[in-house]
PDB file of N, CA and C in Angstrom:
ATOM      1  N   PRO A   1       1.505 -22.185 -14.535  1.00  0.00           N
ATOM      2  CA  PRO A   1       2.010 -20.898 -14.104  1.00  0.00           C
ATOM      3  C   PRO A   1       3.460 -20.693 -14.509  1.00  0.00           C
ATOM      4  N   ARG A   2       3.791 -19.459 -14.774  1.00  0.00           N
ATOM      5  CA  ARG A   2       5.159 -19.104 -15.126  1.00  0.00           C
ATOM      6  C   ARG A   2       5.958 -18.899 -13.845  1.00  0.00           C
ATOM      7  N   LEU A   3       7.125 -19.483 -13.774  1.00  0.00           N
ATOM      8  CA  LEU A   3       7.979 -19.401 -12.590  1.00  0.00           C
ATOM      9  C   LEU A   3       9.035 -18.335 -12.814  1.00  0.00           C
ATOM     10  N   ARG A   4       9.101 -17.374 -11.906  1.00  0.00           N
ATOM     11  CA  ARG A   4      10.140 -16.349 -11.947  1.00  0.00           C
ATOM     12  C   ARG A   4      11.192 -16.717 -10.922  1.00  0.00           C
ATOM     13  N   LEU A   5      12.445 -16.597 -11.305  1.00  0.00           N
ATOM     14  CA  LEU A   5      13.551 -16.965 -10.419  1.00  0.00           C
ATOM     15  C   LEU A   5      14.476 -15.785 -10.202  1.00  0.00           C
ATOM     16  N   ASP A   6      15.019 -15.712  -9.026  1.00  0.00           N
ATOM     17  CA  ASP A   6      16.132 -14.824  -8.728  1.00  0.00           C
ATOM     18  C   ASP A   6      17.278 -15.747  -8.318  1.00  0.00           C
ATOM     19  N   PRO A   7      18.083 -16.212  -9.295  1.00  0.00           N
ATOM     20  CA  PRO A   7      19.105 -17.211  -8.987  1.00  0.00           C
ATOM     21  C   PRO A   7      20.155 -16.727  -7.989  1.00  0.00           C
ATOM     22  N   LEU A   8      20.423 -15.437  -7.954  1.00  0.00           N
ATOM     23  CA  LEU A   8      21.429 -14.912  -7.040  1.00  0.00           C
ATOM     24  C   LEU A   8      21.006 -15.089  -5.585  1.00  0.00           C
ATOM     25  N   HIS A   9      19.710 -14.906  -5.298  1.00  0.00           N
ATOM     26  CA  HIS A   9      19.222 -14.973  -3.923  1.00  0.00           C
ATOM     27  C   HIS A   9      18.332 -16.184  -3.663  1.00  0.00           C
ATOM     28  N   GLY A  10      18.088 -17.029  -4.672  1.00  0.00           N
ATOM     29  CA  GLY A  10      17.330 -18.261  -4.486  1.00  0.00           C
ATOM     30  C   GLY A  10      15.836 -18.083  -4.299  1.00  0.00           C
ATOM     31  N   ILE A  11      15.289 -16.937  -4.711  1.00  0.00           N
ATOM     32  CA  ILE A  11      13.859 -16.668  -4.549  1.00  0.00           C
ATOM     33  C   ILE A  11      13.110 -17.171  -5.778  1.00  0.00           C
ATOM     34  N   GLN A  12      11.995 -17.873  -5.533  1.00  0.00           N
ATOM     35  CA  GLN A  12      11.122 -18.343  -6.613  1.00  0.00           C
ATOM     36  C   GLN A  12       9.746 -17.733  -6.407  1.00  0.00           C
ATOM     37  N   PHE A  13       9.050 -17.418  -7.522  1.00  0.00           N
ATOM     38  CA  PHE A  13       7.761 -16.728  -7.456  1.00  0.00           C
ATOM     39  C   PHE A  13       6.935 -17.137  -8.667  1.00  0.00           C
ATOM     40  N   SER A  14       5.705 -17.613  -8.447  1.00  0.00           N
ATOM     41  CA  SER A  14       4.842 -17.986  -9.576  1.00  0.00           C
ATOM     42  C   SER A  14       3.386 -17.700  -9.236  1.00  0.00           C
ATOM     43  N   ILE A  15       2.580 -17.510 -10.288  1.00  0.00           N
ATOM     44  CA  ILE A  15       1.155 -17.207 -10.147  1.00  0.00           C
ATOM     45  C   ILE A  15       0.381 -18.086 -11.110  1.00  0.00           C
ATOM     46  N   GLY A  16      -0.737 -18.642 -10.653  1.00  0.00           N
ATOM     47  CA  GLY A  16      -1.590 -19.417 -11.544  1.00  0.00           C
ATOM     48  C   GLY A  16      -2.864 -19.830 -10.825  1.00  0.00           C
ATOM     49  N   PRO A  17      -3.950 -20.039 -11.470  1.00  0.00           N
ATOM     50  CA  PRO A  17      -4.103 -19.845 -12.912  1.00  0.00           C
ATOM     51  C   PRO A  17      -4.130 -18.364 -13.277  1.00  0.00           C
ATOM     52  N   ASN A  18      -3.773 -18.107 -14.504  1.00  0.00           N
ATOM     53  CA  ASN A  18      -3.783 -16.753 -15.035  1.00  0.00           C
ATOM     54  C   ASN A  18      -4.220 -16.847 -16.488  1.00  0.00           C
ATOM     55  N   PRO A  19      -5.430 -16.404 -16.811  1.00  0.00           N
ATOM     56  CA  PRO A  19      -6.282 -15.482 -16.074  1.00  0.00           C
ATOM     57  C   PRO A  19      -6.947 -16.105 -14.850  1.00  0.00           C
ATOM     58  N   ALA A  20      -7.227 -15.228 -13.886  1.00  0.00           N
ATOM     59  CA  ALA A  20      -7.913 -15.617 -12.653  1.00  0.00           C
ATOM     60  C   ALA A  20      -9.418 -15.491 -12.871  1.00  0.00           C
ATOM     61  N   ASN A  21     -10.165 -16.476 -12.398  1.00  0.00           N
ATOM     62  CA  ASN A  21     -11.621 -16.441 -12.559  1.00  0.00           C
ATOM     63  C   ASN A  21     -12.308 -17.033 -11.340  1.00  0.00           C
ATOM     64  N   PRO A  22     -12.473 -16.394 -10.248  1.00  0.00           N
ATOM     65  CA  PRO A  22     -11.804 -15.163  -9.818  1.00  0.00           C
ATOM     66  C   PRO A  22     -10.613 -15.430  -8.897  1.00  0.00           C
ATOM     67  N   ILE A  23     -10.247 -16.696  -8.692  1.00  0.00           N
ATOM     68  CA  ILE A  23      -9.192 -17.018  -7.718  1.00  0.00           C
ATOM     69  C   ILE A  23      -7.891 -17.375  -8.436  1.00  0.00           C
ATOM     70  N   THR A  24      -6.782 -16.920  -7.866  1.00  0.00           N
ATOM     71  CA  THR A  24      -5.469 -17.331  -8.343  1.00  0.00           C
ATOM     72  C   THR A  24      -4.565 -17.586  -7.138  1.00  0.00           C
ATOM     73  N   TRP A  25      -3.578 -18.444  -7.317  1.00  0.00           N
ATOM     74  CA  TRP A  25      -2.630 -18.798  -6.263  1.00  0.00           C
ATOM     75  C   TRP A  25      -1.310 -18.115  -6.540  1.00  0.00           C
ATOM     76  N   ILE A  26      -0.708 -17.599  -5.504  1.00  0.00           N
ATOM     77  CA  ILE A  26       0.620 -17.010  -5.586  1.00  0.00           C
ATOM     78  C   ILE A  26       1.537 -17.893  -4.749  1.00  0.00           C
ATOM     79  N   SER A  27       2.500 -18.516  -5.392  1.00  0.00           N
ATOM     80  CA  SER A  27       3.447 -19.399  -4.697  1.00  0.00           C
ATOM     81  C   SER A  27       4.822 -18.756  -4.709  1.00  0.00           C
ATOM     82  N   TYR A  28       5.521 -18.885  -3.593  1.00  0.00           N
ATOM     83  CA  TYR A  28       6.875 -18.355  -3.540  1.00  0.00           C
ATOM     84  C   TYR A  28       7.709 -19.167  -2.560  1.00  0.00           C
ATOM     85  N   ASN A  29       9.000 -19.117  -2.784  1.00  0.00           N
ATOM     86  CA  ASN A  29       9.947 -19.848  -1.956  1.00  0.00           C
ATOM     87  C   ASN A  29      11.059 -18.891  -1.547  1.00  0.00           C
ATOM     88  N   LEU A  30      11.286 -18.795  -0.250  1.00  0.00           N
ATOM     89  CA  LEU A  30      12.358 -17.946   0.264  1.00  0.00           C
ATOM     90  C   LEU A  30      13.452 -18.829   0.854  1.00  0.00           C
ATOM     91  N   PRO A  31      14.722 -18.560   0.541  1.00  0.00           N
ATOM     92  CA  PRO A  31      15.807 -19.420   1.011  1.00  0.00           C
ATOM     93  C   PRO A  31      16.247 -19.150   2.452  1.00  0.00           C
ATOM     94  N   TYR A  32      15.885 -17.993   2.995  1.00  0.00           N
ATOM     95  CA  TYR A  32      16.295 -17.634   4.352  1.00  0.00           C
ATOM     96  C   TYR A  32      15.277 -16.644   4.922  1.00  0.00           C
ATOM     97  N   PRO A  33      15.244 -16.446   6.247  1.00  0.00           N
ATOM     98  CA  PRO A  33      14.292 -15.492   6.819  1.00  0.00           C
ATOM     99  C   PRO A  33      14.549 -14.087   6.268  1.00  0.00           C
ATOM    100  N   GLN A  34      13.487 -13.421   5.870  1.00  0.00           N
ATOM    101  CA  GLN A  34      13.620 -12.061   5.344  1.00  0.00           C
ATOM    102  C   GLN A  34      12.264 -11.368   5.350  1.00  0.00           C
ATOM    103  N   ARG A  35      12.311 -10.056   5.332  1.00  0.00           N
ATOM    104  CA  ARG A  35      11.078  -9.285   5.222  1.00  0.00           C
ATOM    105  C   ARG A  35      10.606  -9.341   3.779  1.00  0.00           C
ATOM    106  N   ALA A  36       9.307  -9.529   3.620  1.00  0.00           N
ATOM    107  CA  ALA A  36       8.732  -9.604   2.278  1.00  0.00           C
ATOM    108  C   ALA A  36       7.323  -9.035   2.311  1.00  0.00           C
ATOM    109  N   GLU A  37       6.935  -8.445   1.202  1.00  0.00           N
ATOM    110  CA  GLU A  37       5.557  -7.990   1.032  1.00  0.00           C
ATOM    111  C   GLU A  37       5.076  -8.455  -0.329  1.00  0.00           C
ATOM    112  N   ILE A  38       3.868  -9.009  -0.352  1.00  0.00           N
ATOM    113  CA  ILE A  38       3.229  -9.383  -1.607  1.00  0.00           C
ATOM    114  C   ILE A  38       1.935  -8.597  -1.670  1.00  0.00           C
ATOM    115  N   ALA A  39       1.819  -7.763  -2.712  1.00  0.00           N
ATOM    116  CA  ALA A  39       0.675  -6.870  -2.839  1.00  0.00           C
ATOM    117  C   ALA A  39       0.175  -6.873  -4.276  1.00  0.00           C
ATOM    118  N   VAL A  40      -1.095  -6.487  -4.432  1.00  0.00           N
ATOM    119  CA  VAL A  40      -1.744  -6.416  -5.740  1.00  0.00           C
ATOM    120  C   VAL A  40      -1.990  -4.945  -6.067  1.00  0.00           C
ATOM    121  N   TYR A  41      -1.679  -4.563  -7.307  1.00  0.00           N
ATOM    122  CA  TYR A  41      -1.840  -3.186  -7.776  1.00  0.00           C
ATOM    123  C   TYR A  41      -2.728  -3.161  -9.013  1.00  0.00           C
ATOM    124  N   ASN A  42      -3.497  -2.073  -9.159  1.00  0.00           N
ATOM    125  CA  ASN A  42      -4.291  -1.895 -10.377  1.00  0.00           C
ATOM    126  C   ASN A  42      -3.440  -1.194 -11.436  1.00  0.00           C
ATOM    127  N   LEU A  43      -4.040  -0.925 -12.595  1.00  0.00           N
ATOM    128  CA  LEU A  43      -3.294  -0.306 -13.692  1.00  0.00           C
ATOM    129  C   LEU A  43      -2.855   1.123 -13.390  1.00  0.00           C
ATOM    130  N   LEU A  44      -3.484   1.760 -12.408  1.00  0.00           N
ATOM    131  CA  LEU A  44      -3.091   3.114 -12.020  1.00  0.00           C
ATOM    132  C   LEU A  44      -1.938   3.109 -11.018  1.00  0.00           C
ATOM    133  N   GLY A  45      -1.490   1.910 -10.635  1.00  0.00           N
ATOM    134  CA  GLY A  45      -0.405   1.795  -9.669  1.00  0.00           C
ATOM    135  C   GLY A  45      -0.857   1.889  -8.228  1.00  0.00           C
ATOM    136  N   GLN A  46      -2.168   1.828  -8.003  1.00  0.00           N
ATOM    137  CA  GLN A  46      -2.709   1.891  -6.648  1.00  0.00           C
ATOM    138  C   GLN A  46      -2.723   0.499  -6.033  1.00  0.00           C
ATOM    139  N   LYS A  47      -2.252   0.406  -4.792  1.00  0.00           N
ATOM    140  CA  LYS A  47      -2.286  -0.871  -4.091  1.00  0.00           C
ATOM    141  C   LYS A  47      -3.738  -1.174  -3.730  1.00  0.00           C
ATOM    142  N   VAL A  48      -4.236  -2.343  -4.176  1.00  0.00           N
ATOM    143  CA  VAL A  48      -5.629  -2.714  -3.906  1.00  0.00           C
ATOM    144  C   VAL A  48      -5.728  -3.852  -2.895  1.00  0.00           C
ATOM    145  N   ALA A  49      -4.629  -4.546  -2.640  1.00  0.00           N
ATOM    146  CA  ALA A  49      -4.642  -5.634  -1.657  1.00  0.00           C
ATOM    147  C   ALA A  49      -3.215  -5.921  -1.202  1.00  0.00           C
ATOM    148  N   THR A  50      -3.066  -6.211   0.081  1.00  0.00           N
ATOM    149  CA  THR A  50      -1.805  -6.704   0.626  1.00  0.00           C
ATOM    150  C   THR A  50      -2.058  -8.130   1.084  1.00  0.00           C
ATOM    151  N   LEU A  51      -1.355  -9.082   0.474  1.00  0.00           N
ATOM    152  CA  LEU A  51      -1.580 -10.499   0.761  1.00  0.00           C
ATOM    153  C   LEU A  51      -0.650 -11.030   1.845  1.00  0.00           C
ATOM    154  N   ALA A  52       0.525 -10.439   1.972  1.00  0.00           N
ATOM    155  CA  ALA A  52       1.484 -10.838   3.010  1.00  0.00           C
ATOM    156  C   ALA A  52       2.417  -9.666   3.253  1.00  0.00           C
ATOM    157  N   SER A  53       2.814  -9.488   4.502  1.00  0.00           N
ATOM    158  CA  SER A  53       3.734  -8.405   4.826  1.00  0.00           C
ATOM    159  C   SER A  53       4.430  -8.719   6.147  1.00  0.00           C
ATOM    160  N   GLY A  54       5.736  -8.507   6.173  1.00  0.00           N
ATOM    161  CA  GLY A  54       6.480  -8.712   7.406  1.00  0.00           C
ATOM    162  C   GLY A  54       7.546  -9.778   7.260  1.00  0.00           C
ATOM    163  N   LEU A  55       8.072 -10.198   8.395  1.00  0.00           N
ATOM    164  CA  LEU A  55       9.130 -11.204   8.400  1.00  0.00           C
ATOM    165  C   LEU A  55       8.559 -12.551   7.976  1.00  0.00           C
ATOM    166  N   GLN A  56       9.181 -13.151   6.985  1.00  0.00           N
ATOM    167  CA  GLN A  56       8.759 -14.450   6.460  1.00  0.00           C
ATOM    168  C   GLN A  56       9.858 -15.474   6.753  1.00  0.00           C
ATOM    169  N   MET A  57       9.457 -16.636   7.194  1.00  0.00           N
ATOM    170  CA  MET A  57      10.407 -17.717   7.425  1.00  0.00           C
ATOM    171  C   MET A  57      10.738 -18.395   6.095  1.00  0.00           C
ATOM    172  N   PRO A  58      11.879 -19.076   6.004  1.00  0.00           N
ATOM    173  CA  PRO A  58      12.240 -19.729   4.756  1.00  0.00           C
ATOM    174  C   PRO A  58      11.277 -20.857   4.411  1.00  0.00           C
ATOM    175  N   GLY A  59      11.223 -21.179   3.114  1.00  0.00           N
ATOM    176  CA  GLY A  59      10.404 -22.290   2.650  1.00  0.00           C
ATOM    177  C   GLY A  59       9.373 -21.867   1.625  1.00  0.00           C
ATOM    178  N   GLN A  60       8.624 -22.864   1.179  1.00  0.00           N
ATOM    179  CA  GLN A  60       7.591 -22.680   0.161  1.00  0.00           C
ATOM    180  C   GLN A  60       6.309 -22.182   0.817  1.00  0.00           C
ATOM    181  N   LYS A  61       5.701 -21.158   0.234  1.00  0.00           N
ATOM    182  CA  LYS A  61       4.445 -20.599   0.733  1.00  0.00           C
ATOM    183  C   LYS A  61       3.474 -20.450  -0.435  1.00  0.00           C
ATOM    184  N   THR A  62       2.180 -20.560  -0.149  1.00  0.00           N
ATOM    185  CA  THR A  62       1.154 -20.332  -1.162  1.00  0.00           C
ATOM    186  C   THR A  62       0.075 -19.438  -0.572  1.00  0.00           C
ATOM    187  N   LEU A  63      -0.243 -18.380  -1.292  1.00  0.00           N
ATOM    188  CA  LEU A  63      -1.310 -17.458  -0.923  1.00  0.00           C
ATOM    189  C   LEU A  63      -2.424 -17.570  -1.950  1.00  0.00           C
ATOM    190  N   ILE A  64      -3.635 -17.256  -1.545  1.00  0.00           N
ATOM    191  CA  ILE A  64      -4.767 -17.231  -2.470  1.00  0.00           C
ATOM    192  C   ILE A  64      -5.251 -15.797  -2.575  1.00  0.00           C
ATOM    193  N   TRP A  65      -5.392 -15.298  -3.814  1.00  0.00           N
ATOM    194  CA  TRP A  65      -6.016 -13.996  -4.036  1.00  0.00           C
ATOM    195  C   TRP A  65      -7.380 -14.251  -4.649  1.00  0.00           C
ATOM    196  N   ASP A  66      -8.414 -13.892  -3.915  1.00  0.00           N
ATOM    197  CA  ASP A  66      -9.786 -14.009  -4.397  1.00  0.00           C
ATOM    198  C   ASP A  66     -10.181 -12.656  -4.966  1.00  0.00           C
ATOM    199  N   ALA A  67     -10.266 -12.569  -6.288  1.00  0.00           N
ATOM    200  CA  ALA A  67     -10.562 -11.311  -6.976  1.00  0.00           C
ATOM    201  C   ALA A  67     -12.050 -11.130  -7.248  1.00  0.00           C
ATOM    202  N   ALA A  68     -12.905 -11.858  -6.532  1.00  0.00           N
ATOM    203  CA  ALA A  68     -14.352 -11.780  -6.770  1.00  0.00           C
ATOM    204  C   ALA A  68     -14.893 -10.362  -6.596  1.00  0.00           C
ATOM    205  N   ASN A  69     -14.299  -9.571  -5.710  1.00  0.00           N
ATOM    206  CA  ASN A  69     -14.786  -8.213  -5.464  1.00  0.00           C
ATOM    207  C   ASN A  69     -14.047  -7.155  -6.277  1.00  0.00           C
ATOM    208  N   TYR A  70     -13.262  -7.588  -7.268  1.00  0.00           N
ATOM    209  CA  TYR A  70     -12.511  -6.664  -8.109  1.00  0.00           C
ATOM    210  C   TYR A  70     -13.063  -6.712  -9.529  1.00  0.00           C
ATOM    211  N   SER A  71     -12.921  -5.614 -10.254  1.00  0.00           N
ATOM    212  CA  SER A  71     -13.386  -5.546 -11.639  1.00  0.00           C
ATOM    213  C   SER A  71     -12.520  -6.419 -12.532  1.00  0.00           C
ATOM    214  N   SER A  72     -13.103  -6.879 -13.625  1.00  0.00           N
ATOM    215  CA  SER A  72     -12.318  -7.583 -14.641  1.00  0.00           C
ATOM    216  C   SER A  72     -11.253  -6.633 -15.171  1.00  0.00           C
ATOM    217  N   GLY A  73     -10.102  -7.177 -15.521  1.00  0.00           N
ATOM    218  CA  GLY A  73      -9.032  -6.350 -16.065  1.00  0.00           C
ATOM    219  C   GLY A  73      -7.677  -6.846 -15.633  1.00  0.00           C
ATOM    220  N   GLN A  74      -6.677  -6.001 -15.849  1.00  0.00           N
ATOM    221  CA  GLN A  74      -5.295  -6.356 -15.545  1.00  0.00           C
ATOM    222  C   GLN A  74      -4.878  -5.810 -14.180  1.00  0.00           C
ATOM    223  N   TYR A  75      -4.126  -6.627 -13.474  1.00  0.00           N
ATOM    224  CA  TYR A  75      -3.566  -6.252 -12.183  1.00  0.00           C
ATOM    225  C   TYR A  75      -2.113  -6.715 -12.161  1.00  0.00           C
ATOM    226  N   PHE A  76      -1.373  -6.206 -11.207  1.00  0.00           N
ATOM    227  CA  PHE A  76       0.019  -6.609 -11.053  1.00  0.00           C
ATOM    228  C   PHE A  76       0.240  -7.080  -9.621  1.00  0.00           C
ATOM    229  N   VAL A  77       0.871  -8.236  -9.484  1.00  0.00           N
ATOM    230  CA  VAL A  77       1.234  -8.752  -8.169  1.00  0.00           C
ATOM    231  C   VAL A  77       2.730  -8.505  -8.004  1.00  0.00           C
ATOM    232  N   ARG A  78       3.070  -7.785  -6.941  1.00  0.00           N
ATOM    233  CA  ARG A  78       4.474  -7.443  -6.702  1.00  0.00           C
ATOM    234  C   ARG A  78       4.945  -8.096  -5.413  1.00  0.00           C
ATOM    235  N   MET A  79       6.062  -8.786  -5.525  1.00  0.00           N
ATOM    236  CA  MET A  79       6.731  -9.346  -4.353  1.00  0.00           C
ATOM    237  C   MET A  79       7.985  -8.516  -4.121  1.00  0.00           C
ATOM    238  N   GLU A  80       8.051  -7.880  -2.965  1.00  0.00           N
ATOM    239  CA  GLU A  80       9.210  -7.070  -2.620  1.00  0.00           C
ATOM    240  C   GLU A  80       9.893  -7.711  -1.423  1.00  0.00           C
ATOM    241  N   THR A  81      11.183  -7.970  -1.553  1.00  0.00           N
ATOM    242  CA  THR A  81      11.937  -8.617  -0.485  1.00  0.00           C
ATOM    243  C   THR A  81      13.175  -7.796  -0.148  1.00  0.00           C
ATOM    244  N   GLU A  82      13.666  -8.008   1.058  1.00  0.00           N
ATOM    245  CA  GLU A  82      14.939  -7.429   1.461  1.00  0.00           C
ATOM    246  C   GLU A  82      16.012  -8.484   1.253  1.00  0.00           C
ATOM    247  N   VAL A  83      17.032  -8.143   0.484  1.00  0.00           N
ATOM    248  CA  VAL A  83      18.110  -9.096   0.211  1.00  0.00           C
ATOM    249  C   VAL A  83      19.447  -8.460   0.579  1.00  0.00           C
ATOM    250  N   PRO A  84      20.404  -9.279   1.014  1.00  0.00           N
ATOM    251  CA  PRO A  84      21.718  -8.719   1.347  1.00  0.00           C
ATOM    252  C   PRO A  84      22.442  -8.264   0.091  1.00  0.00           C
ATOM    253  N   ASP A  85      23.098  -7.136   0.176  1.00  0.00           N
ATOM    254  CA  ASP A  85      23.892  -6.614  -0.929  1.00  0.00           C
ATOM    255  C   ASP A  85      25.319  -7.124  -0.740  1.00  0.00           C
ATOM    256  N   ALA A  86      25.706  -8.096  -1.558  1.00  0.00           N
ATOM    257  CA  ALA A  86      26.987  -8.795  -1.399  1.00  0.00           C
ATOM    258  C   ALA A  86      28.153  -7.816  -1.305  1.00  0.00           C
ATOM    259  N   GLY A  87      28.962  -8.025  -0.304  1.00  0.00           N
ATOM    260  CA  GLY A  87      30.179  -7.246  -0.157  1.00  0.00           C
ATOM    261  C   GLY A  87      30.007  -5.919   0.561  1.00  0.00           C
ATOM    262  N   LEU A  88      28.791  -5.390   0.607  1.00  0.00           N
ATOM    263  CA  LEU A  88      28.589  -4.088   1.234  1.00  0.00           C
ATOM    264  C   LEU A  88      28.050  -4.189   2.654  1.00  0.00           C
ATOM    265  N   GLY A  89      27.548  -5.368   3.025  1.00  0.00           N
ATOM    266  CA  GLY A  89      27.003  -5.544   4.358  1.00  0.00           C
ATOM    267  C   GLY A  89      25.721  -4.772   4.594  1.00  0.00           C
ATOM    268  N   THR A  90      25.009  -4.468   3.522  1.00  0.00           N
ATOM    269  CA  THR A  90      23.755  -3.725   3.635  1.00  0.00           C
ATOM    270  C   THR A  90      22.606  -4.553   3.078  1.00  0.00           C
ATOM    271  N   ILE A  91      21.419  -4.036   3.252  1.00  0.00           N
ATOM    272  CA  ILE A  91      20.210  -4.680   2.743  1.00  0.00           C
ATOM    273  C   ILE A  91      19.633  -3.791   1.649  1.00  0.00           C
ATOM    274  N   ARG A  92      19.164  -4.398   0.574  1.00  0.00           N
ATOM    275  CA  ARG A  92      18.496  -3.628  -0.472  1.00  0.00           C
ATOM    276  C   ARG A  92      17.158  -4.274  -0.786  1.00  0.00           C
ATOM    277  N   LEU A  93      16.266  -3.494  -1.355  1.00  0.00           N
ATOM    278  CA  LEU A  93      14.961  -4.005  -1.749  1.00  0.00           C
ATOM    279  C   LEU A  93      15.034  -4.567  -3.154  1.00  0.00           C
ATOM    280  N   GLN A  94      14.343  -5.665  -3.361  1.00  0.00           N
ATOM    281  CA  GLN A  94      14.250  -6.283  -4.682  1.00  0.00           C
ATOM    282  C   GLN A  94      12.781  -6.555  -4.962  1.00  0.00           C
ATOM    283  N   SER A  95      12.342  -6.294  -6.180  1.00  0.00           N
ATOM    284  CA  SER A  95      10.945  -6.535  -6.546  1.00  0.00           C
ATOM    285  C   SER A  95      10.855  -7.490  -7.722  1.00  0.00           C
ATOM    286  N   ILE A  96       9.857  -8.354  -7.665  1.00  0.00           N
ATOM    287  CA  ILE A  96       9.474  -9.201  -8.788  1.00  0.00           C
ATOM    288  C   ILE A  96       8.007  -8.889  -9.046  1.00  0.00           C
ATOM    289  N   VAL A  97       7.654  -8.601 -10.297  1.00  0.00           N
ATOM    290  CA  VAL A  97       6.282  -8.217 -10.639  1.00  0.00           C
ATOM    291  C   VAL A  97       5.749  -9.149 -11.719  1.00  0.00           C
ATOM    292  N   GLU A  98       4.516  -9.610 -11.525  1.00  0.00           N
ATOM    293  CA  GLU A  98       3.832 -10.445 -12.518  1.00  0.00           C
ATOM    294  C   GLU A  98       2.453  -9.857 -12.801  1.00  0.00           C
ATOM    295  N   ARG A  99       2.055  -9.893 -14.061  1.00  0.00           N
ATOM    296  CA  ARG A  99       0.736  -9.417 -14.472  1.00  0.00           C
ATOM    297  C   ARG A  99      -0.282 -10.534 -14.286  1.00  0.00           C
ATOM    298  N   VAL A 100      -1.466 -10.163 -13.788  1.00  0.00           N
ATOM    299  CA  VAL A 100      -2.579 -11.101 -13.633  1.00  0.00           C
ATOM    300  C   VAL A 100      -3.794 -10.488 -14.306  1.00  0.00           C
ATOM    301  N   VAL A 101      -4.499 -11.286 -15.089  1.00  0.00           N
ATOM    302  CA  VAL A 101      -5.736 -10.842 -15.721  1.00  0.00           C
ATOM    303  C   VAL A 101      -6.898 -11.462 -14.960  1.00  0.00           C
ATOM    304  N   VAL A 102      -7.854 -10.624 -14.553  1.00  0.00           N
ATOM    305  CA  VAL A 102      -9.063 -11.094 -13.878  1.00  0.00           C
ATOM    306  C   VAL A 102     -10.181 -11.116 -14.908  1.00  0.00           C
ATOM    307  N   VAL A 103     -10.801 -12.285 -15.071  1.00  0.00           N
ATOM    308  CA  VAL A 103     -11.886 -12.468 -16.035  1.00  0.00           C
ATOM    309  C   VAL A 103     -13.101 -12.960 -15.274  1.00  0.00           C
ATOM    310  N   LYS A 104     -14.229 -12.322 -15.516  1.00  0.00           N
ATOM    311  CA  LYS A 104     -15.472 -12.754 -14.853  1.00  0.00           C
ATOM    312  C   LYS A 104     -16.521 -13.090 -15.881  1.00  0.00           C
TER     313      LYS A 104
END
């Protein structure tokens, strides 16, 4: 799996196997407690699954997406987190997106 990093905020995100047939694992590491959502979108941008949502504790997590009930094709897994905006004392949203191919 390809590992995506956000070095500024210490967030790690990876997906594998890819292509999924039909199961894939989504692994991520959060450095501190924060709100996060991990969702799957189709090519039309429609959310087809929410795998995690809400306050997440720090540490390594692994989710399983079982795509057995989804058509073969391309999907996007988006991890959206709330991160502090340095110096402003505010929170901003950050997204990391990875493409997943479902093969049956």
